[in-house]
C-alpha atoms as a PDB file:
ATOM      1  CA  MET A   1      -5.297  23.164 -22.042  1.00  0.00           C
ATOM      2  CA  THR A   2      -8.766  22.074 -22.845  1.00  0.00           C
ATOM      3  CA  GLY A   3     -11.531  21.745 -20.305  1.00  0.00           C
ATOM      4  CA  ALA A   4     -11.355  17.937 -20.471  1.00  0.00           C
ATOM      5  CA  SER A   5      -7.613  17.955 -19.754  1.00  0.00           C
ATOM      6  CA  ILE A   6      -8.021  20.166 -16.729  1.00  0.00           C
ATOM      7  CA  PHE A   7     -10.916  18.072 -15.443  1.00  0.00           C
ATOM      8  CA  SER A   8      -8.879  14.862 -15.909  1.00  0.00           C
ATOM      9  CA  LEU A   9      -5.890  16.352 -14.091  1.00  0.00           C
ATOM     10  CA  ILE A  10      -8.046  17.480 -11.176  1.00  0.00           C
ATOM     11  CA  ALA A  11      -9.885  14.131 -11.004  1.00  0.00           C
ATOM     12  CA  VAL A  12      -6.654  12.111 -10.939  1.00  0.00           C
ATOM     13  CA  THR A  13      -5.093  14.422  -8.337  1.00  0.00           C
ATOM     14  CA  ILE A  14      -8.136  14.189  -6.061  1.00  0.00           C
ATOM     15  CA  GLY A  15      -8.341  10.415  -6.525  1.00  0.00           C
ATOM     16  CA  PHE A  16      -4.662   9.955  -5.673  1.00  0.00           C
ATOM     17  CA  THR A  17      -4.948  12.196  -2.609  1.00  0.00           C
ATOM     18  CA  VAL A  18      -8.004  10.305  -1.336  1.00  0.00           C
ATOM     19  CA  LEU A  19      -6.238   6.974  -1.861  1.00  0.00           C
ATOM     20  CA  VAL A  20      -3.128   8.085   0.043  1.00  0.00           C
ATOM     21  CA  LEU A  21      -5.216   9.498   2.898  1.00  0.00           C
ATOM     22  CA  TRP A  22      -7.251   6.273   3.108  1.00  0.00           C
ATOM     23  CA  VAL A  23      -4.142   4.065   3.244  1.00  0.00           C
ATOM     24  CA  TYR A  24      -2.226   6.151   5.790  1.00  0.00           C
ATOM     25  CA  TRP A  25      -5.166   7.162   7.990  1.00  0.00           C
ATOM     26  CA  PRO A  26      -4.117   6.906  11.696  1.00  0.00           C
ATOM     27  CA  SER A  27      -6.733   4.270  12.552  1.00  0.00           C
ATOM     28  CA  ARG A  28      -5.195   1.929   9.946  1.00  0.00           C
ATOM     29  CA  ARG A  29      -1.659   2.266  11.340  1.00  0.00           C
ATOM     30  CA  GLU A  30      -1.656  -0.979  13.356  1.00  0.00           C
ATOM     31  CA  ARG A  31      -2.758  -3.103  10.405  1.00  0.00           C
ATOM     32  CA  LEU A  32      -0.314  -1.362   8.047  1.00  0.00           C
ATOM     33  CA  GLU A  33       2.591  -1.970  10.432  1.00  0.00           C
ATOM     34  CA  SER A  34       1.647  -5.637  10.913  1.00  0.00           C
ATOM     35  CA  LEU A  35       1.500  -6.133   7.150  1.00  0.00           C
ATOM     36  CA  GLY A  36       4.901  -4.475   6.819  1.00  0.00           C
ATOM     37  CA  GLU A  37       6.447  -7.032   9.181  1.00  0.00           C
ATOM     38  CA  ILE A  38       5.339 -10.070   7.132  1.00  0.00           C
ATOM     39  CA  PRO A  39       8.704 -10.464   5.320  1.00  0.00           C
ATOM     40  CA  PHE A  40      10.499 -10.670   8.676  1.00  0.00           C
ATOM     41  CA  ASP A  41       8.177 -13.271  10.188  1.00  0.00           C
ATOM     42  CA  ASN A  42      10.156 -16.533  10.236  1.00  0.00           C
ATOM     43  CA  ASP A  43       7.558 -18.595  12.098  1.00  0.00           C
ATOM     44  CA  ASN A  44       5.230 -18.922   9.115  1.00  0.00           C
ATOM     45  CA  ASN A  45       7.843 -18.896   6.376  1.00  0.00           C
ATOM     46  CA  GLU A  46       7.914 -22.375   4.884  1.00  0.00           C
ATOM     47  CA  PHE A  47      10.655 -21.427   2.421  1.00  0.00           C
ATOM     48  CA  SER A  48      13.218 -20.335   5.022  1.00  0.00           C
ATOM     49  CA  GLU A  49      14.807 -23.801   5.271  1.00  0.00           C
ATOM     50  CA  LYS A  50      17.350 -25.041   2.773  1.00  0.00           C
ATOM     51  CA  PRO A  51      15.945 -27.478   0.225  1.00  0.00           C
ATOM     52  CA  ASN A  52      17.141 -31.066   0.313  1.00  0.00           C
ATOM     53  CA  GLU A  53      20.209 -31.476  -1.851  1.00  0.00           C
END
């Protein structure tokens, strides 16, 4: 492997790790869980009713 290939591999690995840590950091848990419940929220879903036939 060339030096550029190794550097690219390390840069992508570090970037991916930082991104995953940022998303799943414990202080972000409440917001992440509330966003995960959006599909199950029927109060604000305007498309849950049957269309007029």
